[in-house]
Every structure is written in C-alpha cells, then in structure tokens.
Amino acid sequence: AALLYEEDAATDEAYPPYWAELWPSAVELAHAVSEQDWHDAA
C-alpha cells in the first residue's frame, strides 16, 4: 500500500501496484503447475 501508483502509457491511466502482493491465486496456480512435467514446453 505504500508503493506509488504506476502509469500505463498505452491507456493513459494509473493503476495500483497489485504486483507487490502475495496473492493466494498465484500460490494455488503455482502448486497446480508443479504437479505436471513441462519439459521443454513454451
């Protein structure tokens, strides 16, 4: 919450620094991805 809003030059808008949070959805997605073998997959 202490971080500055960031500018999106493509839309001329500012947005909160959502990236800085540890979101539970990202944790669960990482866990699901780790269940499979992605050898050499793009």
PDB file of all heavy atoms in Angstrom:
ATOM      1  N   ALA A   1       0.813  -1.212   0.000  1.00  0.00           N
ATOM      2  CA  ALA A   1       0.000   0.000   0.000  1.00  0.00           C
ATOM      3  C   ALA A   1       0.848   1.265   0.000  1.00  0.00           C
ATOM      4  O   ALA A   1       0.362   2.347  -0.346  1.00  0.00           O
ATOM      5  CB  ALA A   1      -0.931  -0.004   1.211  1.00  0.00           C
ATOM      6  N   ALA A   2       2.106   1.149   0.404  1.00  0.00           N
ATOM      7  CA  ALA A   2       2.990   2.314   0.440  1.00  0.00           C
ATOM      8  C   ALA A   2       3.608   2.625  -0.910  1.00  0.00           C
ATOM      9  O   ALA A   2       4.226   3.684  -1.076  1.00  0.00           O
ATOM     10  CB  ALA A   2       4.104   2.096   1.468  1.00  0.00           C
ATOM     11  N   LEU A   3       3.438   1.743  -1.890  1.00  0.00           N
ATOM     12  CA  LEU A   3       4.051   1.956  -3.195  1.00  0.00           C
ATOM     13  C   LEU A   3       3.243   2.947  -4.019  1.00  0.00           C
ATOM     14  O   LEU A   3       2.029   3.085  -3.857  1.00  0.00           O
ATOM     15  CB  LEU A   3       4.150   0.631  -3.944  1.00  0.00           C
ATOM     16  CG  LEU A   3       4.934  -0.482  -3.247  1.00  0.00           C
ATOM     17  CD1 LEU A   3       4.942  -1.724  -4.120  1.00  0.00           C
ATOM     18  CD2 LEU A   3       6.342  -0.049  -2.927  1.00  0.00           C
ATOM     19  N   LEU A   4       3.923   3.604  -4.920  1.00  0.00           N
ATOM     20  CA  LEU A   4       3.271   4.568  -5.784  1.00  0.00           C
ATOM     21  C   LEU A   4       2.442   3.874  -6.854  1.00  0.00           C
ATOM     22  O   LEU A   4       2.779   2.785  -7.314  1.00  0.00           O
ATOM     23  CB  LEU A   4       4.322   5.446  -6.467  1.00  0.00           C
ATOM     24  CG  LEU A   4       5.123   6.380  -5.561  1.00  0.00           C
ATOM     25  CD1 LEU A   4       6.221   7.049  -6.370  1.00  0.00           C
ATOM     26  CD2 LEU A   4       4.221   7.425  -4.936  1.00  0.00           C
ATOM     27  N   TYR A   5       1.352   4.555  -7.252  1.00  0.00           N
ATOM     28  CA  TYR A   5       0.629   4.097  -8.426  1.00  0.00           C
ATOM     29  C   TYR A   5       1.559   4.152  -9.631  1.00  0.00           C
ATOM     30  O   TYR A   5       2.473   4.976  -9.695  1.00  0.00           O
ATOM     31  CB  TYR A   5      -0.596   4.984  -8.674  1.00  0.00           C
ATOM     32  CG  TYR A   5      -1.821   4.567  -7.922  1.00  0.00           C
ATOM     33  CD1 TYR A   5      -1.805   4.381  -6.546  1.00  0.00           C
ATOM     34  CD2 TYR A   5      -3.011   4.349  -8.597  1.00  0.00           C
ATOM     35  CE1 TYR A   5      -2.938   3.997  -5.850  1.00  0.00           C
ATOM     36  CE2 TYR A   5      -4.162   3.963  -7.917  1.00  0.00           C
ATOM     37  CZ  TYR A   5      -4.109   3.790  -6.537  1.00  0.00           C
ATOM     38  OH  TYR A   5      -5.229   3.401  -5.863  1.00  0.00           O
ATOM     39  N   GLU A   6       1.309   3.273 -10.604  1.00  0.00           N
ATOM     40  CA  GLU A   6       2.151   3.207 -11.785  1.00  0.00           C
ATOM     41  C   GLU A   6       1.358   3.629 -13.018  1.00  0.00           C
ATOM     42  O   GLU A   6       0.155   3.406 -13.107  1.00  0.00           O
ATOM     43  CB  GLU A   6       2.703   1.794 -11.955  1.00  0.00           C
ATOM     44  CG  GLU A   6       3.547   1.367 -10.769  1.00  0.00           C
ATOM     45  CD  GLU A   6       4.087  -0.037 -10.929  1.00  0.00           C
ATOM     46  OE1 GLU A   6       3.392  -0.960 -10.492  1.00  0.00           O
ATOM     47  OE2 GLU A   6       5.182  -0.193 -11.470  1.00  0.00           O
ATOM     48  N   GLU A   7       2.055   4.228 -13.987  1.00  0.00           N
ATOM     49  CA  GLU A   7       1.411   4.725 -15.189  1.00  0.00           C
ATOM     50  C   GLU A   7       1.384   3.651 -16.274  1.00  0.00           C
ATOM     51  O   GLU A   7       2.356   2.936 -16.478  1.00  0.00           O
ATOM     52  CB  GLU A   7       2.162   5.954 -15.723  1.00  0.00           C
ATOM     53  CG  GLU A   7       2.180   7.135 -14.759  1.00  0.00           C
ATOM     54  CD  GLU A   7       0.799   7.694 -14.491  1.00  0.00           C
ATOM     55  OE1 GLU A   7      -0.049   7.662 -15.425  1.00  0.00           O
ATOM     56  OE2 GLU A   7       0.556   8.145 -13.355  1.00  0.00           O
ATOM     57  N   ASP A   8       0.252   3.530 -16.937  1.00  0.00           N
ATOM     58  CA  ASP A   8       0.116   2.678 -18.103  1.00  0.00           C
ATOM     59  C   ASP A   8       0.062   3.596 -19.312  1.00  0.00           C
ATOM     60  O   ASP A   8      -0.967   4.195 -19.617  1.00  0.00           O
ATOM     61  CB  ASP A   8      -1.147   1.830 -18.005  1.00  0.00           C
ATOM     62  CG  ASP A   8      -1.258   0.804 -19.128  1.00  0.00           C
ATOM     63  OD1 ASP A   8      -0.599   1.001 -20.168  1.00  0.00           O
ATOM     64  OD2 ASP A   8      -1.999  -0.182 -18.979  1.00  0.00           O
ATOM     65  N   ALA A   9       1.199   3.721 -20.002  1.00  0.00           N
ATOM     66  CA  ALA A   9       1.286   4.674 -21.108  1.00  0.00           C
ATOM     67  C   ALA A   9       0.308   4.330 -22.229  1.00  0.00           C
ATOM     68  O   ALA A   9      -0.191   5.222 -22.924  1.00  0.00           O
ATOM     69  CB  ALA A   9       2.710   4.707 -21.642  1.00  0.00           C
ATOM     70  N   ALA A  10       0.017   3.057 -22.406  1.00  0.00           N
ATOM     71  CA  ALA A  10      -0.858   2.644 -23.505  1.00  0.00           C
ATOM     72  C   ALA A  10      -2.288   3.121 -23.298  1.00  0.00           C
ATOM     73  O   ALA A  10      -3.026   3.336 -24.258  1.00  0.00           O
ATOM     74  CB  ALA A  10      -0.829   1.123 -23.657  1.00  0.00           C
ATOM     75  N   THR A  11      -2.705   3.274 -22.042  1.00  0.00           N
ATOM     76  CA  THR A  11      -4.084   3.673 -21.768  1.00  0.00           C
ATOM     77  C   THR A  11      -4.186   5.020 -21.085  1.00  0.00           C
ATOM     78  O   THR A  11      -5.283   5.500 -20.808  1.00  0.00           O
ATOM     79  CB  THR A  11      -4.771   2.625 -20.868  1.00  0.00           C
ATOM     80  OG1 THR A  11      -4.055   2.536 -19.619  1.00  0.00           O
ATOM     81  CG2 THR A  11      -4.767   1.264 -21.529  1.00  0.00           C
ATOM     82  N   ASP A  12      -3.040   5.623 -20.790  1.00  0.00           N
ATOM     83  CA  ASP A  12      -3.004   6.914 -20.101  1.00  0.00           C
ATOM     84  C   ASP A  12      -3.743   6.840 -18.766  1.00  0.00           C
ATOM     85  O   ASP A  12      -4.497   7.734 -18.405  1.00  0.00           O
ATOM     86  CB  ASP A  12      -3.613   8.016 -20.981  1.00  0.00           C
ATOM     87  CG  ASP A  12      -3.288   9.411 -20.440  1.00  0.00           C
ATOM     88  OD1 ASP A  12      -2.232   9.563 -19.795  1.00  0.00           O
ATOM     89  OD2 ASP A  12      -4.089  10.341 -20.651  1.00  0.00           O
ATOM     90  N   GLU A  13      -3.531   5.737 -18.033  1.00  0.00           N
ATOM     91  CA  GLU A  13      -4.151   5.544 -16.741  1.00  0.00           C
ATOM     92  C   GLU A  13      -3.105   5.131 -15.712  1.00  0.00           C
ATOM     93  O   GLU A  13      -2.057   4.584 -16.058  1.00  0.00           O
ATOM     94  CB  GLU A  13      -5.242   4.459 -16.802  1.00  0.00           C
ATOM     95  CG  GLU A  13      -6.448   4.829 -17.647  1.00  0.00           C
ATOM     96  CD  GLU A  13      -7.504   3.750 -17.623  1.00  0.00           C
ATOM     97  OE1 GLU A  13      -7.427   2.864 -16.745  1.00  0.00           O
ATOM     98  OE2 GLU A  13      -8.401   3.781 -18.475  1.00  0.00           O
ATOM     99  N   ALA A  14      -3.419   5.402 -14.466  1.00  0.00           N
ATOM    100  CA  ALA A  14      -2.582   4.923 -13.370  1.00  0.00           C
ATOM    101  C   ALA A  14      -3.282   3.757 -12.693  1.00  0.00           C
ATOM    102  O   ALA A  14      -4.508   3.681 -12.663  1.00  0.00           O
ATOM    103  CB  ALA A  14      -2.324   6.035 -12.360  1.00  0.00           C
ATOM    104  N   TYR A  15      -2.501   2.834 -12.139  1.00  0.00           N
ATOM    105  CA  TYR A  15      -3.092   1.668 -11.506  1.00  0.00           C
ATOM    106  C   TYR A  15      -2.290   1.303 -10.264  1.00  0.00           C
ATOM    107  O   TYR A  15      -1.096   1.603 -10.168  1.00  0.00           O
ATOM    108  CB  TYR A  15      -3.143   0.484 -12.472  1.00  0.00           C
ATOM    109  CG  TYR A  15      -1.811   0.120 -13.082  1.00  0.00           C
ATOM    110  CD1 TYR A  15      -0.977  -0.816 -12.488  1.00  0.00           C
ATOM    111  CD2 TYR A  15      -1.390   0.717 -14.262  1.00  0.00           C
ATOM    112  CE1 TYR A  15       0.244  -1.152 -13.030  1.00  0.00           C
ATOM    113  CE2 TYR A  15      -0.160   0.389 -14.822  1.00  0.00           C
ATOM    114  CZ  TYR A  15       0.648  -0.539 -14.204  1.00  0.00           C
ATOM    115  OH  TYR A  15       1.857  -0.850 -14.752  1.00  0.00           O
ATOM    116  N   PRO A  16      -2.942   0.681  -9.290  1.00  0.00           N
ATOM    117  CA  PRO A  16      -2.245   0.310  -8.045  1.00  0.00           C
ATOM    118  C   PRO A  16      -1.170  -0.741  -8.314  1.00  0.00           C
ATOM    119  O   PRO A  16      -1.245  -1.485  -9.292  1.00  0.00           O
ATOM    120  CB  PRO A  16      -3.362  -0.273  -7.169  1.00  0.00           C
ATOM    121  CG  PRO A  16      -4.639   0.201  -7.780  1.00  0.00           C
ATOM    122  CD  PRO A  16      -4.372   0.317  -9.245  1.00  0.00           C
ATOM    123  N   PRO A  17      -0.175  -0.833  -7.437  1.00  0.00           N
ATOM    124  CA  PRO A  17       0.888  -1.826  -7.602  1.00  0.00           C
ATOM    125  C   PRO A  17       0.444  -3.204  -7.117  1.00  0.00           C
ATOM    126  O   PRO A  17       0.979  -3.754  -6.145  1.00  0.00           O
ATOM    127  CB  PRO A  17       2.020  -1.254  -6.746  1.00  0.00           C
ATOM    128  CG  PRO A  17       1.312  -0.506  -5.658  1.00  0.00           C
ATOM    129  CD  PRO A  17       0.083   0.083  -6.301  1.00  0.00           C
ATOM    130  N   TYR A  18      -0.544  -3.780  -7.814  1.00  0.00           N
ATOM    131  CA  TYR A  18      -1.071  -5.086  -7.426  1.00  0.00           C
ATOM    132  C   TYR A  18       0.021  -6.157  -7.403  1.00  0.00           C
ATOM    133  O   TYR A  18      -0.075  -7.141  -6.666  1.00  0.00           O
ATOM    134  CB  TYR A  18      -2.169  -5.523  -8.403  1.00  0.00           C
ATOM    135  CG  TYR A  18      -3.421  -4.682  -8.382  1.00  0.00           C
ATOM    136  CD1 TYR A  18      -3.935  -4.134  -9.554  1.00  0.00           C
ATOM    137  CD2 TYR A  18      -4.096  -4.437  -7.190  1.00  0.00           C
ATOM    138  CE1 TYR A  18      -5.089  -3.372  -9.545  1.00  0.00           C
ATOM    139  CE2 TYR A  18      -5.253  -3.666  -7.176  1.00  0.00           C
ATOM    140  CZ  TYR A  18      -5.749  -3.133  -8.354  1.00  0.00           C
ATOM    141  OH  TYR A  18      -6.884  -2.378  -8.333  1.00  0.00           O
ATOM    142  N   TRP A  19       1.037  -5.986  -8.236  1.00  0.00           N
ATOM    143  CA  TRP A  19       2.090  -6.991  -8.370  1.00  0.00           C
ATOM    144  C   TRP A  19       2.790  -7.289  -7.053  1.00  0.00           C
ATOM    145  O   TRP A  19       3.352  -8.376  -6.873  1.00  0.00           O
ATOM    146  CB  TRP A  19       3.133  -6.520  -9.396  1.00  0.00           C
ATOM    147  CG  TRP A  19       3.823  -5.244  -8.985  1.00  0.00           C
ATOM    148  CD1 TRP A  19       3.459  -3.972  -9.321  1.00  0.00           C
ATOM    149  CD2 TRP A  19       4.973  -5.115  -8.148  1.00  0.00           C
ATOM    150  NE1 TRP A  19       4.306  -3.062  -8.747  1.00  0.00           N
ATOM    151  CE2 TRP A  19       5.246  -3.732  -8.018  1.00  0.00           C
ATOM    152  CE3 TRP A  19       5.792  -6.031  -7.489  1.00  0.00           C
ATOM    153  CZ2 TRP A  19       6.309  -3.241  -7.261  1.00  0.00           C
ATOM    154  CZ3 TRP A  19       6.851  -5.545  -6.731  1.00  0.00           C
ATOM    155  CH2 TRP A  19       7.099  -4.166  -6.632  1.00  0.00           C
ATOM    156  N   ALA A  20       2.803  -6.311  -6.127  1.00  0.00           N
ATOM    157  CA  ALA A  20       3.615  -6.437  -4.919  1.00  0.00           C
ATOM    158  C   ALA A  20       2.992  -7.329  -3.851  1.00  0.00           C
ATOM    159  O   ALA A  20       3.654  -7.685  -2.883  1.00  0.00           O
ATOM    160  CB  ALA A  20       3.885  -5.052  -4.332  1.00  0.00           C
ATOM    161  N   GLU A  21       1.730  -7.698  -4.029  1.00  0.00           N
ATOM    162  CA  GLU A  21       1.054  -8.549  -3.061  1.00  0.00           C
ATOM    163  C   GLU A  21       1.319 -10.027  -3.356  1.00  0.00           C
ATOM    164  O   GLU A  21       1.504 -10.424  -4.514  1.00  0.00           O
ATOM    165  CB  GLU A  21      -0.463  -8.315  -3.116  1.00  0.00           C
ATOM    166  CG  GLU A  21      -0.892  -6.908  -2.733  1.00  0.00           C
ATOM    167  CD  GLU A  21      -0.961  -6.720  -1.226  1.00  0.00           C
ATOM    168  OE1 GLU A  21      -0.643  -7.673  -0.488  1.00  0.00           O
ATOM    169  OE2 GLU A  21      -1.334  -5.617  -0.798  1.00  0.00           O
ATOM    170  N   LEU A  22       1.306 -10.840  -2.318  1.00  0.00           N
ATOM    171  CA  LEU A  22       1.343 -12.294  -2.483  1.00  0.00           C
ATOM    172  C   LEU A  22      -0.103 -12.775  -2.573  1.00  0.00           C
ATOM    173  O   LEU A  22      -0.781 -12.932  -1.566  1.00  0.00           O
ATOM    174  CB  LEU A  22       2.067 -12.956  -1.313  1.00  0.00           C
ATOM    175  CG  LEU A  22       2.107 -14.484  -1.344  1.00  0.00           C
ATOM    176  CD1 LEU A  22       2.862 -14.984  -2.577  1.00  0.00           C
ATOM    177  CD2 LEU A  22       2.725 -15.033  -0.070  1.00  0.00           C
ATOM    178  N   TRP A  23      -0.584 -12.996  -3.786  1.00  0.00           N
ATOM    179  CA  TRP A  23      -1.979 -13.357  -3.990  1.00  0.00           C
ATOM    180  C   TRP A  23      -2.164 -14.869  -3.870  1.00  0.00           C
ATOM    181  O   TRP A  23      -1.429 -15.643  -4.488  1.00  0.00           O
ATOM    182  CB  TRP A  23      -2.439 -12.883  -5.372  1.00  0.00           C
ATOM    183  CG  TRP A  23      -2.408 -11.400  -5.518  1.00  0.00           C
ATOM    184  CD1 TRP A  23      -1.457 -10.654  -6.158  1.00  0.00           C
ATOM    185  CD2 TRP A  23      -3.361 -10.475  -5.000  1.00  0.00           C
ATOM    186  NE1 TRP A  23      -1.754  -9.324  -6.069  1.00  0.00           N
ATOM    187  CE2 TRP A  23      -2.917  -9.176  -5.366  1.00  0.00           C
ATOM    188  CE3 TRP A  23      -4.539 -10.601  -4.265  1.00  0.00           C
ATOM    189  CZ2 TRP A  23      -3.619  -8.025  -5.016  1.00  0.00           C
ATOM    190  CZ3 TRP A  23      -5.234  -9.455  -3.911  1.00  0.00           C
ATOM    191  CH2 TRP A  23      -4.786  -8.184  -4.290  1.00  0.00           C
ATOM    192  N   PRO A  24      -3.162 -15.315  -3.106  1.00  0.00           N
ATOM    193  CA  PRO A  24      -3.402 -16.757  -2.972  1.00  0.00           C
ATOM    194  C   PRO A  24      -3.625 -17.457  -4.305  1.00  0.00           C
ATOM    195  O   PRO A  24      -3.251 -18.622  -4.470  1.00  0.00           O
ATOM    196  CB  PRO A  24      -4.648 -16.828  -2.078  1.00  0.00           C
ATOM    197  CG  PRO A  24      -4.609 -15.558  -1.283  1.00  0.00           C
ATOM    198  CD  PRO A  24      -4.049 -14.528  -2.212  1.00  0.00           C
ATOM    199  N   SER A  25      -4.234 -16.779  -5.270  1.00  0.00           N
ATOM    200  CA  SER A  25      -4.459 -17.405  -6.579  1.00  0.00           C
ATOM    201  C   SER A  25      -3.143 -17.763  -7.250  1.00  0.00           C
ATOM    202  O   SER A  25      -3.035 -18.810  -7.913  1.00  0.00           O
ATOM    203  CB  SER A  25      -5.267 -16.466  -7.483  1.00  0.00           C
ATOM    204  OG  SER A  25      -6.598 -16.342  -7.026  1.00  0.00           O
ATOM    205  N   ALA A  26      -2.133 -16.909  -7.106  1.00  0.00           N
ATOM    206  CA  ALA A  26      -0.826 -17.196  -7.701  1.00  0.00           C
ATOM    207  C   ALA A  26      -0.185 -18.408  -7.035  1.00  0.00           C
ATOM    208  O   ALA A  26       0.447 -19.239  -7.702  1.00  0.00           O
ATOM    209  CB  ALA A  26       0.082 -15.983  -7.600  1.00  0.00           C
ATOM    210  N   VAL A  27      -0.341 -18.519  -5.720  1.00  0.00           N
ATOM    211  CA  VAL A  27       0.211 -19.662  -4.995  1.00  0.00           C
ATOM    212  C   VAL A  27      -0.455 -20.953  -5.463  1.00  0.00           C
ATOM    213  O   VAL A  27       0.213 -21.967  -5.728  1.00  0.00           O
ATOM    214  CB  VAL A  27       0.044 -19.483  -3.477  1.00  0.00           C
ATOM    215  CG1 VAL A  27       0.506 -20.729  -2.724  1.00  0.00           C
ATOM    216  CG2 VAL A  27       0.820 -18.257  -2.995  1.00  0.00           C
ATOM    217  N   GLU A  28      -1.784 -20.930  -5.585  1.00  0.00           N
ATOM    218  CA  GLU A  28      -2.504 -22.141  -5.993  1.00  0.00           C
ATOM    219  C   GLU A  28      -2.207 -22.499  -7.440  1.00  0.00           C
ATOM    220  O   GLU A  28      -2.123 -23.688  -7.788  1.00  0.00           O
ATOM    221  CB  GLU A  28      -4.004 -21.956  -5.775  1.00  0.00           C
ATOM    222  CG  GLU A  28      -4.396 -21.871  -4.308  1.00  0.00           C
ATOM    223  CD  GLU A  28      -3.838 -23.033  -3.499  1.00  0.00           C
ATOM    224  OE1 GLU A  28      -4.160 -24.194  -3.828  1.00  0.00           O
ATOM    225  OE2 GLU A  28      -3.054 -22.780  -2.563  1.00  0.00           O
ATOM    226  N   LEU A  29      -2.037 -21.499  -8.298  1.00  0.00           N
ATOM    227  CA  LEU A  29      -1.690 -21.790  -9.683  1.00  0.00           C
ATOM    228  C   LEU A  29      -0.295 -22.393  -9.765  1.00  0.00           C
ATOM    229  O   LEU A  29      -0.062 -23.363 -10.510  1.00  0.00           O
ATOM    230  CB  LEU A  29      -1.775 -20.516 -10.526  1.00  0.00           C
ATOM    231  CG  LEU A  29      -1.522 -20.683 -12.024  1.00  0.00           C
ATOM    232  CD1 LEU A  29      -2.499 -21.678 -12.645  1.00  0.00           C
ATOM    233  CD2 LEU A  29      -1.614 -19.334 -12.731  1.00  0.00           C
ATOM    234  N   ALA A  30       0.644 -21.837  -9.010  1.00  0.00           N
ATOM    235  CA  ALA A  30       1.996 -22.411  -8.984  1.00  0.00           C
ATOM    236  C   ALA A  30       1.962 -23.864  -8.524  1.00  0.00           C
ATOM    237  O   ALA A  30       2.656 -24.731  -9.081  1.00  0.00           O
ATOM    238  CB  ALA A  30       2.900 -21.576  -8.068  1.00  0.00           C
ATOM    239  N   HIS A  31       1.148 -24.148  -7.506  1.00  0.00           N
ATOM    240  CA  HIS A  31       1.041 -25.511  -6.997  1.00  0.00           C
ATOM    241  C   HIS A  31       0.491 -26.450  -8.067  1.00  0.00           C
ATOM    242  O   HIS A  31       0.995 -27.567  -8.259  1.00  0.00           O
ATOM    243  CB  HIS A  31       0.145 -25.527  -5.764  1.00  0.00           C
ATOM    244  CG  HIS A  31       0.151 -26.827  -5.020  1.00  0.00           C
ATOM    245  ND1 HIS A  31      -0.769 -27.824  -5.263  1.00  0.00           N
ATOM    246  CD2 HIS A  31       0.959 -27.302  -4.045  1.00  0.00           C
ATOM    247  CE1 HIS A  31      -0.534 -28.846  -4.472  1.00  0.00           C
ATOM    248  NE2 HIS A  31       0.511 -28.560  -3.720  1.00  0.00           N
ATOM    249  N   ALA A  32      -0.531 -26.001  -8.799  1.00  0.00           N
ATOM    250  CA  ALA A  32      -1.113 -26.843  -9.852  1.00  0.00           C
ATOM    251  C   ALA A  32      -0.119 -27.071 -10.984  1.00  0.00           C
ATOM    252  O   ALA A  32      -0.020 -28.189 -11.516  1.00  0.00           O
ATOM    253  CB  ALA A  32      -2.384 -26.190 -10.394  1.00  0.00           C
ATOM    254  N   VAL A  33       0.607 -26.037 -11.364  1.00  0.00           N
ATOM    255  CA  VAL A  33       1.602 -26.177 -12.425  1.00  0.00           C
ATOM    256  C   VAL A  33       2.670 -27.188 -12.029  1.00  0.00           C
ATOM    257  O   VAL A  33       3.129 -27.986 -12.849  1.00  0.00           O
ATOM    258  CB  VAL A  33       2.235 -24.804 -12.740  1.00  0.00           C
ATOM    259  CG1 VAL A  33       3.469 -24.961 -13.622  1.00  0.00           C
ATOM    260  CG2 VAL A  33       1.212 -23.897 -13.424  1.00  0.00           C
ATOM    261  N   SER A  34       3.047 -27.177 -10.758  1.00  0.00           N
ATOM    262  CA  SER A  34       4.137 -28.044 -10.297  1.00  0.00           C
ATOM    263  C   SER A  34       3.752 -29.521 -10.276  1.00  0.00           C
ATOM    264  O   SER A  34       4.613 -30.382 -10.109  1.00  0.00           O
ATOM    265  CB  SER A  34       4.602 -27.614  -8.896  1.00  0.00           C
ATOM    266  OG  SER A  34       3.668 -27.972  -7.897  1.00  0.00           O
ATOM    267  N   GLU A  35       2.485 -29.821 -10.459  1.00  0.00           N
ATOM    268  CA  GLU A  35       2.040 -31.220 -10.463  1.00  0.00           C
ATOM    269  C   GLU A  35       2.414 -31.947 -11.749  1.00  0.00           C
ATOM    270  O   GLU A  35       2.399 -33.183 -11.787  1.00  0.00           O
ATOM    271  CB  GLU A  35       0.522 -31.279 -10.279  1.00  0.00           C
ATOM    272  CG  GLU A  35       0.048 -30.842  -8.908  1.00  0.00           C
ATOM    273  CD  GLU A  35      -1.464 -30.854  -8.799  1.00  0.00           C
ATOM    274  OE1 GLU A  35      -2.146 -30.847  -9.846  1.00  0.00           O
ATOM    275  OE2 GLU A  35      -1.977 -30.875  -7.669  1.00  0.00           O
ATOM    276  N   GLN A  36       2.733 -31.199 -12.809  1.00  0.00           N
ATOM    277  CA  GLN A  36       2.977 -31.830 -14.105  1.00  0.00           C
ATOM    278  C   GLN A  36       4.406 -31.578 -14.576  1.00  0.00           C
ATOM    279  O   GLN A  36       5.109 -30.711 -14.063  1.00  0.00           O
ATOM    280  CB  GLN A  36       1.981 -31.285 -15.140  1.00  0.00           C
ATOM    281  CG  GLN A  36       0.533 -31.617 -14.810  1.00  0.00           C
ATOM    282  CD  GLN A  36      -0.408 -31.284 -15.948  1.00  0.00           C
ATOM    283  OE1 GLN A  36      -0.022 -31.243 -17.112  1.00  0.00           O
ATOM    284  NE2 GLN A  36      -1.662 -31.045 -15.616  1.00  0.00           N
ATOM    285  N   ASP A  37       4.793 -32.355 -15.581  1.00  0.00           N
ATOM    286  CA  ASP A  37       6.101 -32.202 -16.202  1.00  0.00           C
ATOM    287  C   ASP A  37       5.946 -31.319 -17.442  1.00  0.00           C
ATOM    288  O   ASP A  37       5.208 -31.664 -18.364  1.00  0.00           O
ATOM    289  CB  ASP A  37       6.649 -33.577 -16.601  1.00  0.00           C
ATOM    290  CG  ASP A  37       8.049 -33.511 -17.186  1.00  0.00           C
ATOM    291  OD1 ASP A  37       8.577 -32.393 -17.355  1.00  0.00           O
ATOM    292  OD2 ASP A  37       8.610 -34.576 -17.467  1.00  0.00           O
ATOM    293  N   TRP A  38       6.634 -30.187 -17.459  1.00  0.00           N
ATOM    294  CA  TRP A  38       6.552 -29.261 -18.577  1.00  0.00           C
ATOM    295  C   TRP A  38       7.872 -29.211 -19.352  1.00  0.00           C
ATOM    296  O   TRP A  38       8.241 -28.173 -19.904  1.00  0.00           O
ATOM    297  CB  TRP A  38       6.161 -27.875 -18.078  1.00  0.00           C
ATOM    298  CG  TRP A  38       4.825 -27.872 -17.413  1.00  0.00           C
ATOM    299  CD1 TRP A  38       4.575 -27.848 -16.075  1.00  0.00           C
ATOM    300  CD2 TRP A  38       3.554 -27.938 -18.058  1.00  0.00           C
ATOM    301  NE1 TRP A  38       3.215 -27.880 -15.838  1.00  0.00           N
ATOM    302  CE2 TRP A  38       2.567 -27.948 -17.040  1.00  0.00           C
ATOM    303  CE3 TRP A  38       3.148 -28.007 -19.394  1.00  0.00           C
ATOM    304  CZ2 TRP A  38       1.206 -27.997 -17.320  1.00  0.00           C
ATOM    305  CZ3 TRP A  38       1.797 -28.061 -19.676  1.00  0.00           C
ATOM    306  CH2 TRP A  38       0.844 -28.057 -18.642  1.00  0.00           C
ATOM    307  N   HIS A  39       8.568 -30.339 -19.412  1.00  0.00           N
ATOM    308  CA  HIS A  39       9.883 -30.375 -20.048  1.00  0.00           C
ATOM    309  C   HIS A  39       9.834 -29.814 -21.468  1.00  0.00           C
ATOM    310  O   HIS A  39       9.066 -30.275 -22.319  1.00  0.00           O
ATOM    311  CB  HIS A  39      10.415 -31.813 -20.093  1.00  0.00           C
ATOM    312  CG  HIS A  39      11.732 -31.931 -20.806  1.00  0.00           C
ATOM    313  ND1 HIS A  39      12.903 -31.427 -20.273  1.00  0.00           N
ATOM    314  CD2 HIS A  39      12.046 -32.471 -22.013  1.00  0.00           C
ATOM    315  CE1 HIS A  39      13.890 -31.661 -21.115  1.00  0.00           C
ATOM    316  NE2 HIS A  39      13.400 -32.287 -22.174  1.00  0.00           N
ATOM    317  N   ASP A  40      10.608 -28.768 -21.680  1.00  0.00           N
ATOM    318  CA  ASP A  40      10.795 -28.127 -22.984  1.00  0.00           C
ATOM    319  C   ASP A  40       9.519 -27.481 -23.522  1.00  0.00           C
ATOM    320  O   ASP A  40       9.462 -27.105 -24.704  1.00  0.00           O
ATOM    321  CB  ASP A  40      11.344 -29.119 -24.005  1.00  0.00           C
ATOM    322  CG  ASP A  40      12.147 -28.411 -25.095  1.00  0.00           C
ATOM    323  OD1 ASP A  40      12.799 -27.394 -24.784  1.00  0.00           O
ATOM    324  OD2 ASP A  40      12.109 -28.860 -26.252  1.00  0.00           O
ATOM    325  N   ALA A  41       8.487 -27.335 -22.701  1.00  0.00           N
ATOM    326  CA  ALA A  41       7.264 -26.668 -23.142  1.00  0.00           C
ATOM    327  C   ALA A  41       7.451 -25.157 -23.082  1.00  0.00           C
ATOM    328  O   ALA A  41       8.056 -24.620 -22.154  1.00  0.00           O
ATOM    329  CB  ALA A  41       6.088 -27.083 -22.261  1.00  0.00           C
ATOM    330  N   ALA A  42       6.914 -24.453 -24.071  1.00  0.00           N
ATOM    331  CA  ALA A  42       6.939 -22.994 -24.072  1.00  0.00           C
ATOM    332  C   ALA A  42       5.801 -22.491 -23.195  1.00  0.00           C
ATOM    333  O   ALA A  42       4.624 -22.750 -23.471  1.00  0.00           O
ATOM    334  CB  ALA A  42       6.788 -22.467 -25.497  1.00  0.00           C
TER     335      ALA A  42
END
